Amino acid sequence: MRLFLGIIVGACLTIGAAYIHDNWTPAATTTGSSTTLAHRPMVNWDVVGANWSGLQQRARETWTALSHKISS
């Protein structure tokens, strides 16, 4: 049980650290003819959000289909 709890906590810490790092990283700025390079984000959060929404939608559809089969 402790192993599974450790895996879950570790995954949450990793995702949280990546999210914090990406949000606190300054964006690239252009001043005159020079552009300062900034760190690129580690995670494309728009893609993560779209994938998460798709997963939630599929889970809802599967749950609805399963509940209709059970109640019929």
PDB file of N, CA and C in Angstrom:
ATOM      1  N   MET A   1       0.822  -1.191   0.000  1.00  0.00           N
ATOM      2  CA  MET A   1       0.000   0.000   0.000  1.00  0.00           C
ATOM      3  C   MET A   1       0.868   1.258   0.000  1.00  0.00           C
ATOM      4  N   ARG A   2       1.950   1.209   0.776  1.00  0.00           N
ATOM      5  CA  ARG A   2       2.839   2.368   0.842  1.00  0.00           C
ATOM      6  C   ARG A   2       3.497   2.619  -0.517  1.00  0.00           C
ATOM      7  N   LEU A   3       3.760   1.534  -1.255  1.00  0.00           N
ATOM      8  CA  LEU A   3       4.367   1.681  -2.576  1.00  0.00           C
ATOM      9  C   LEU A   3       3.446   2.458  -3.510  1.00  0.00           C
ATOM     10  N   PHE A   4       2.184   2.084  -3.555  1.00  0.00           N
ATOM     11  CA  PHE A   4       1.231   2.761  -4.434  1.00  0.00           C
ATOM     12  C   PHE A   4       1.023   4.218  -4.030  1.00  0.00           C
ATOM     13  N   LEU A   5       0.962   4.465  -2.738  1.00  0.00           N
ATOM     14  CA  LEU A   5       0.840   5.835  -2.260  1.00  0.00           C
ATOM     15  C   LEU A   5       2.064   6.647  -2.662  1.00  0.00           C
ATOM     16  N   GLY A   6       3.249   6.049  -2.557  1.00  0.00           N
ATOM     17  CA  GLY A   6       4.478   6.723  -2.969  1.00  0.00           C
ATOM     18  C   GLY A   6       4.509   7.029  -4.454  1.00  0.00           C
ATOM     19  N   ILE A   7       4.011   6.110  -5.261  1.00  0.00           N
ATOM     20  CA  ILE A   7       3.964   6.328  -6.713  1.00  0.00           C
ATOM     21  C   ILE A   7       3.010   7.477  -7.034  1.00  0.00           C
ATOM     22  N   ILE A   8       1.852   7.496  -6.400  1.00  0.00           N
ATOM     23  CA  ILE A   8       0.869   8.550  -6.661  1.00  0.00           C
ATOM     24  C   ILE A   8       1.399   9.905  -6.218  1.00  0.00           C
ATOM     25  N   VAL A   9       1.992   9.962  -5.028  1.00  0.00           N
ATOM     26  CA  VAL A   9       2.545  11.229  -4.532  1.00  0.00           C
ATOM     27  C   VAL A   9       3.688  11.694  -5.427  1.00  0.00           C
ATOM     28  N   GLY A  10       4.533  10.779  -5.860  1.00  0.00           N
ATOM     29  CA  GLY A  10       5.641  11.129  -6.750  1.00  0.00           C
ATOM     30  C   GLY A  10       5.164  11.683  -8.087  1.00  0.00           C
ATOM     31  N   ALA A  11       4.140  11.075  -8.649  1.00  0.00           N
ATOM     32  CA  ALA A  11       3.592  11.563  -9.916  1.00  0.00           C
ATOM     33  C   ALA A  11       2.991  12.957  -9.740  1.00  0.00           C
ATOM     34  N   CYS A  12       2.279  13.160  -8.641  1.00  0.00           N
ATOM     35  CA  CYS A  12       1.681  14.477  -8.386  1.00  0.00           C
ATOM     36  C   CYS A  12       2.759  15.540  -8.187  1.00  0.00           C
ATOM     37  N   LEU A  13       3.815  15.206  -7.473  1.00  0.00           N
ATOM     38  CA  LEU A  13       4.919  16.156  -7.275  1.00  0.00           C
ATOM     39  C   LEU A  13       5.608  16.491  -8.588  1.00  0.00           C
ATOM     40  N   THR A  14       5.799  15.500  -9.435  1.00  0.00           N
ATOM     41  CA  THR A  14       6.444  15.730 -10.727  1.00  0.00           C
ATOM     42  C   THR A  14       5.604  16.643 -11.605  1.00  0.00           C
ATOM     43  N   ILE A  15       4.321  16.365 -11.707  1.00  0.00           N
ATOM     44  CA  ILE A  15       3.431  17.192 -12.526  1.00  0.00           C
ATOM     45  C   ILE A  15       3.328  18.595 -11.942  1.00  0.00           C
ATOM     46  N   GLY A  16       3.224  18.685 -10.625  1.00  0.00           N
ATOM     47  CA  GLY A  16       3.148  19.992  -9.979  1.00  0.00           C
ATOM     48  C   GLY A  16       4.412  20.809 -10.194  1.00  0.00           C
ATOM     49  N   ALA A  17       5.574  20.170 -10.090  1.00  0.00           N
ATOM     50  CA  ALA A  17       6.837  20.885 -10.304  1.00  0.00           C
ATOM     51  C   ALA A  17       6.950  21.371 -11.749  1.00  0.00           C
ATOM     52  N   ALA A  18       6.546  20.557 -12.707  1.00  0.00           N
ATOM     53  CA  ALA A  18       6.585  20.979 -14.111  1.00  0.00           C
ATOM     54  C   ALA A  18       5.631  22.139 -14.355  1.00  0.00           C
ATOM     55  N   TYR A  19       4.451  22.086 -13.754  1.00  0.00           N
ATOM     56  CA  TYR A  19       3.470  23.161 -13.918  1.00  0.00           C
ATOM     57  C   TYR A  19       3.994  24.467 -13.329  1.00  0.00           C
ATOM     58  N   ILE A  20       4.556  24.396 -12.130  1.00  0.00           N
ATOM     59  CA  ILE A  20       5.097  25.603 -11.490  1.00  0.00           C
ATOM     60  C   ILE A  20       6.266  26.159 -12.297  1.00  0.00           C
ATOM     61  N   HIS A  21       7.152  25.295 -12.752  1.00  0.00           N
ATOM     62  CA  HIS A  21       8.292  25.748 -13.549  1.00  0.00           C
ATOM     63  C   HIS A  21       7.831  26.436 -14.828  1.00  0.00           C
ATOM     64  N   ASP A  22       6.853  25.844 -15.501  1.00  0.00           N
ATOM     65  CA  ASP A  22       6.370  26.423 -16.759  1.00  0.00           C
ATOM     66  C   ASP A  22       5.670  27.748 -16.545  1.00  0.00           C
ATOM     67  N   ASN A  23       4.955  27.911 -15.440  1.00  0.00           N
ATOM     68  CA  ASN A  23       4.235  29.159 -15.198  1.00  0.00           C
ATOM     69  C   ASN A  23       5.136  30.268 -14.697  1.00  0.00           C
ATOM     70  N   TRP A  24       6.254  29.940 -14.081  1.00  0.00           N
ATOM     71  CA  TRP A  24       7.157  30.962 -13.563  1.00  0.00           C
ATOM     72  C   TRP A  24       8.275  31.282 -14.525  1.00  0.00           C
ATOM     73  N   THR A  25       8.338  30.614 -15.680  1.00  0.00           N
ATOM     74  CA  THR A  25       9.363  30.888 -16.678  1.00  0.00           C
ATOM     75  C   THR A  25       8.923  32.090 -17.490  1.00  0.00           C
ATOM     76  N   PRO A  26       9.758  33.130 -17.611  1.00  0.00           N
ATOM     77  CA  PRO A  26       9.355  34.307 -18.386  1.00  0.00           C
ATOM     78  C   PRO A  26       9.289  33.985 -19.881  1.00  0.00           C
ATOM     79  N   ALA A  27       8.449  34.708 -20.569  1.00  0.00           N
ATOM     80  CA  ALA A  27       8.302  34.527 -22.013  1.00  0.00           C
ATOM     81  C   ALA A  27       9.426  35.262 -22.737  1.00  0.00           C
ATOM     82  N   ALA A  28       9.643  34.914 -23.994  1.00  0.00           N
ATOM     83  CA  ALA A  28      10.663  35.591 -24.794  1.00  0.00           C
ATOM     84  C   ALA A  28      10.224  37.022 -25.068  1.00  0.00           C
ATOM     85  N   THR A  29      11.165  37.942 -24.989  1.00  0.00           N
ATOM     86  CA  THR A  29      10.855  39.344 -25.239  1.00  0.00           C
ATOM     87  C   THR A  29      11.702  39.862 -26.379  1.00  0.00           C
ATOM     88  N   THR A  30      11.125  40.741 -27.159  1.00  0.00           N
ATOM     89  CA  THR A  30      11.833  41.348 -28.269  1.00  0.00           C
ATOM     90  C   THR A  30      11.963  42.836 -28.004  1.00  0.00           C
ATOM     91  N   THR A  31      13.194  43.322 -27.994  1.00  0.00           N
ATOM     92  CA  THR A  31      13.439  44.754 -27.806  1.00  0.00           C
ATOM     93  C   THR A  31      14.318  45.222 -28.954  1.00  0.00           C
ATOM     94  N   GLY A  32      13.783  46.062 -29.767  1.00  0.00           N
ATOM     95  CA  GLY A  32      14.546  46.574 -30.910  1.00  0.00           C
ATOM     96  C   GLY A  32      14.866  45.460 -31.886  1.00  0.00           C
ATOM     97  N   SER A  33      16.147  45.243 -32.127  1.00  0.00           N
ATOM     98  CA  SER A  33      16.550  44.221 -33.092  1.00  0.00           C
ATOM     99  C   SER A  33      17.014  42.940 -32.412  1.00  0.00           C
ATOM    100  N   SER A  34      17.036  42.910 -31.080  1.00  0.00           N
ATOM    101  CA  SER A  34      17.505  41.708 -30.389  1.00  0.00           C
ATOM    102  C   SER A  34      16.347  41.020 -29.677  1.00  0.00           C
ATOM    103  N   THR A  35      16.419  39.726 -29.650  1.00  0.00           N
ATOM    104  CA  THR A  35      15.415  38.915 -28.966  1.00  0.00           C
ATOM    105  C   THR A  35      16.123  38.129 -27.874  1.00  0.00           C
ATOM    106  N   THR A  36      15.647  38.257 -26.661  1.00  0.00           N
ATOM    107  CA  THR A  36      16.221  37.465 -25.581  1.00  0.00           C
ATOM    108  C   THR A  36      15.560  36.099 -25.580  1.00  0.00           C
ATOM    109  N   LEU A  37      16.394  35.090 -25.475  1.00  0.00           N
ATOM    110  CA  LEU A  37      15.884  33.733 -25.474  1.00  0.00           C
ATOM    111  C   LEU A  37      15.392  33.369 -24.085  1.00  0.00           C
ATOM    112  N   ALA A  38      14.268  32.748 -24.047  1.00  0.00           N
ATOM    113  CA  ALA A  38      13.706  32.299 -22.776  1.00  0.00           C
ATOM    114  C   ALA A  38      13.632  30.784 -22.797  1.00  0.00           C
ATOM    115  N   HIS A  39      13.465  30.225 -21.637  1.00  0.00           N
ATOM    116  CA  HIS A  39      13.317  28.781 -21.556  1.00  0.00           C
ATOM    117  C   HIS A  39      11.984  28.374 -22.150  1.00  0.00           C
ATOM    118  N   ARG A  40      12.023  27.304 -22.923  1.00  0.00           N
ATOM    119  CA  ARG A  40      10.768  26.781 -23.458  1.00  0.00           C
ATOM    120  C   ARG A  40      10.054  26.004 -22.363  1.00  0.00           C
ATOM    121  N   PRO A  41       8.738  26.009 -22.369  1.00  0.00           N
ATOM    122  CA  PRO A  41       8.009  25.240 -21.350  1.00  0.00           C
ATOM    123  C   PRO A  41       8.298  23.746 -21.490  1.00  0.00           C
ATOM    124  N   MET A  42       8.296  23.059 -20.369  1.00  0.00           N
ATOM    125  CA  MET A  42       8.529  21.617 -20.395  1.00  0.00           C
ATOM    126  C   MET A  42       7.313  20.874 -20.933  1.00  0.00           C
ATOM    127  N   VAL A  43       6.132  21.426 -20.722  1.00  0.00           N
ATOM    128  CA  VAL A  43       4.892  20.753 -21.098  1.00  0.00           C
ATOM    129  C   VAL A  43       4.024  21.728 -21.880  1.00  0.00           C
ATOM    130  N   ASN A  44       3.416  21.255 -22.947  1.00  0.00           N
ATOM    131  CA  ASN A  44       2.454  22.056 -23.688  1.00  0.00           C
ATOM    132  C   ASN A  44       1.093  21.854 -23.014  1.00  0.00           C
ATOM    133  N   TRP A  45       0.726  22.776 -22.137  1.00  0.00           N
ATOM    134  CA  TRP A  45      -0.450  22.603 -21.297  1.00  0.00           C
ATOM    135  C   TRP A  45      -1.749  22.666 -22.088  1.00  0.00           C
ATOM    136  N   ASP A  46      -1.739  23.291 -23.269  1.00  0.00           N
ATOM    137  CA  ASP A  46      -2.939  23.285 -24.111  1.00  0.00           C
ATOM    138  C   ASP A  46      -3.232  21.870 -24.593  1.00  0.00           C
ATOM    139  N   VAL A  47      -2.182  21.148 -24.979  1.00  0.00           N
ATOM    140  CA  VAL A  47      -2.347  19.766 -25.438  1.00  0.00           C
ATOM    141  C   VAL A  47      -2.782  18.878 -24.275  1.00  0.00           C
ATOM    142  N   VAL A  48      -2.198  19.078 -23.106  1.00  0.00           N
ATOM    143  CA  VAL A  48      -2.588  18.301 -21.927  1.00  0.00           C
ATOM    144  C   VAL A  48      -4.061  18.543 -21.610  1.00  0.00           C
ATOM    145  N   GLY A  49      -4.493  19.798 -21.664  1.00  0.00           N
ATOM    146  CA  GLY A  49      -5.894  20.117 -21.394  1.00  0.00           C
ATOM    147  C   GLY A  49      -6.836  19.477 -22.397  1.00  0.00           C
ATOM    148  N   ALA A  50      -6.456  19.504 -23.673  1.00  0.00           N
ATOM    149  CA  ALA A  50      -7.296  18.890 -24.710  1.00  0.00           C
ATOM    150  C   ALA A  50      -7.368  17.373 -24.522  1.00  0.00           C
ATOM    151  N   ASN A  51      -6.235  16.749 -24.204  1.00  0.00           N
ATOM    152  CA  ASN A  51      -6.228  15.301 -23.978  1.00  0.00           C
ATOM    153  C   ASN A  51      -7.050  14.937 -22.750  1.00  0.00           C
ATOM    154  N   TRP A  52      -6.949  15.728 -21.689  1.00  0.00           N
ATOM    155  CA  TRP A  52      -7.708  15.469 -20.472  1.00  0.00           C
ATOM    156  C   TRP A  52      -9.206  15.610 -20.734  1.00  0.00           C
ATOM    157  N   SER A  53      -9.591  16.622 -21.508  1.00  0.00           N
ATOM    158  CA  SER A  53     -11.008  16.801 -21.842  1.00  0.00           C
ATOM    159  C   SER A  53     -11.524  15.627 -22.665  1.00  0.00           C
ATOM    160  N   GLY A  54     -10.713  15.161 -23.604  1.00  0.00           N
ATOM    161  CA  GLY A  54     -11.103  14.006 -24.409  1.00  0.00           C
ATOM    162  C   GLY A  54     -11.261  12.751 -23.568  1.00  0.00           C
ATOM    163  N   LEU A  55     -10.353  12.559 -22.618  1.00  0.00           N
ATOM    164  CA  LEU A  55     -10.435  11.408 -21.721  1.00  0.00           C
ATOM    165  C   LEU A  55     -11.693  11.478 -20.866  1.00  0.00           C
ATOM    166  N   GLN A  56     -12.005  12.660 -20.345  1.00  0.00           N
ATOM    167  CA  GLN A  56     -13.216  12.822 -19.539  1.00  0.00           C
ATOM    168  C   GLN A  56     -14.467  12.548 -20.366  1.00  0.00           C
ATOM    169  N   GLN A  57     -14.492  13.030 -21.591  1.00  0.00           N
ATOM    170  CA  GLN A  57     -15.659  12.819 -22.453  1.00  0.00           C
ATOM    171  C   GLN A  57     -15.847  11.333 -22.759  1.00  0.00           C
ATOM    172  N   ARG A  58     -14.750  10.624 -23.076  1.00  0.00           N
ATOM    173  CA  ARG A  58     -14.854   9.191 -23.351  1.00  0.00           C
ATOM    174  C   ARG A  58     -15.305   8.430 -22.112  1.00  0.00           C
ATOM    175  N   ALA A  59     -14.823   8.831 -20.941  1.00  0.00           N
ATOM    176  CA  ALA A  59     -15.232   8.163 -19.703  1.00  0.00           C
ATOM    177  C   ALA A  59     -16.717   8.368 -19.441  1.00  0.00           C
ATOM    178  N   ARG A  60     -17.212   9.585 -19.681  1.00  0.00           N
ATOM    179  CA  ARG A  60     -18.645   9.847 -19.500  1.00  0.00           C
ATOM    180  C   ARG A  60     -19.485   9.008 -20.460  1.00  0.00           C
ATOM    181  N   GLU A  61     -19.054   8.944 -21.733  1.00  0.00           N
ATOM    182  CA  GLU A  61     -19.801   8.167 -22.723  1.00  0.00           C
ATOM    183  C   GLU A  61     -19.796   6.680 -22.370  1.00  0.00           C
ATOM    184  N   THR A  62     -18.647   6.177 -21.922  1.00  0.00           N
ATOM    185  CA  THR A  62     -18.560   4.771 -21.534  1.00  0.00           C
ATOM    186  C   THR A  62     -19.425   4.491 -20.315  1.00  0.00           C
ATOM    187  N   TRP A  63     -19.395   5.391 -19.328  1.00  0.00           N
ATOM    188  CA  TRP A  63     -20.217   5.216 -18.129  1.00  0.00           C
ATOM    189  C   TRP A  63     -21.701   5.234 -18.480  1.00  0.00           C
ATOM    190  N   THR A  64     -22.094   6.134 -19.357  1.00  0.00           N
ATOM    191  CA  THR A  64     -23.497   6.214 -19.769  1.00  0.00           C
ATOM    192  C   THR A  64     -23.923   4.928 -20.477  1.00  0.00           C
ATOM    193  N   ALA A  65     -23.083   4.447 -21.403  1.00  0.00           N
ATOM    194  CA  ALA A  65     -23.401   3.216 -22.120  1.00  0.00           C
ATOM    195  C   ALA A  65     -23.469   2.039 -21.158  1.00  0.00           C
ATOM    196  N   LEU A  66     -22.546   1.965 -20.232  1.00  0.00           N
ATOM    197  CA  LEU A  66     -22.534   0.861 -19.262  1.00  0.00           C
ATOM    198  C   LEU A  66     -23.755   0.920 -18.342  1.00  0.00           C
ATOM    199  N   SER A  67     -24.115   2.107 -17.895  1.00  0.00           N
ATOM    200  CA  SER A  67     -25.271   2.215 -17.010  1.00  0.00           C
ATOM    201  C   SER A  67     -26.574   1.880 -17.740  1.00  0.00           C
ATOM    202  N   HIS A  68     -26.643   2.189 -19.031  1.00  0.00           N
ATOM    203  CA  HIS A  68     -27.842   1.817 -19.808  1.00  0.00           C
ATOM    204  C   HIS A  68     -27.921   0.313 -19.981  1.00  0.00           C
ATOM    205  N   LYS A  69     -26.792  -0.340 -20.171  1.00  0.00           N
ATOM    206  CA  LYS A  69     -26.795  -1.807 -20.322  1.00  0.00           C
ATOM    207  C   LYS A  69     -27.186  -2.478 -19.024  1.00  0.00           C
ATOM    208  N   ILE A  70     -26.716  -1.937 -17.898  1.00  0.00           N
ATOM    209  CA  ILE A  70     -27.016  -2.550 -16.611  1.00  0.00           C
ATOM    210  C   ILE A  70     -28.485  -2.354 -16.259  1.00  0.00           C
ATOM    211  N   SER A  71     -29.048  -1.184 -16.541  1.00  0.00           N
ATOM    212  CA  SER A  71     -30.436  -0.918 -16.171  1.00  0.00           C
ATOM    213  C   SER A  71     -31.439  -1.550 -17.131  1.00  0.00           C
ATOM    214  N   SER A  72     -30.997  -1.981 -18.302  1.00  0.00           N
ATOM    215  CA  SER A  72     -31.943  -2.576 -19.262  1.00  0.00           C
ATOM    216  C   SER A  72     -32.196  -4.025 -19.008  1.00  0.00           C
TER     217      SER A  72
END
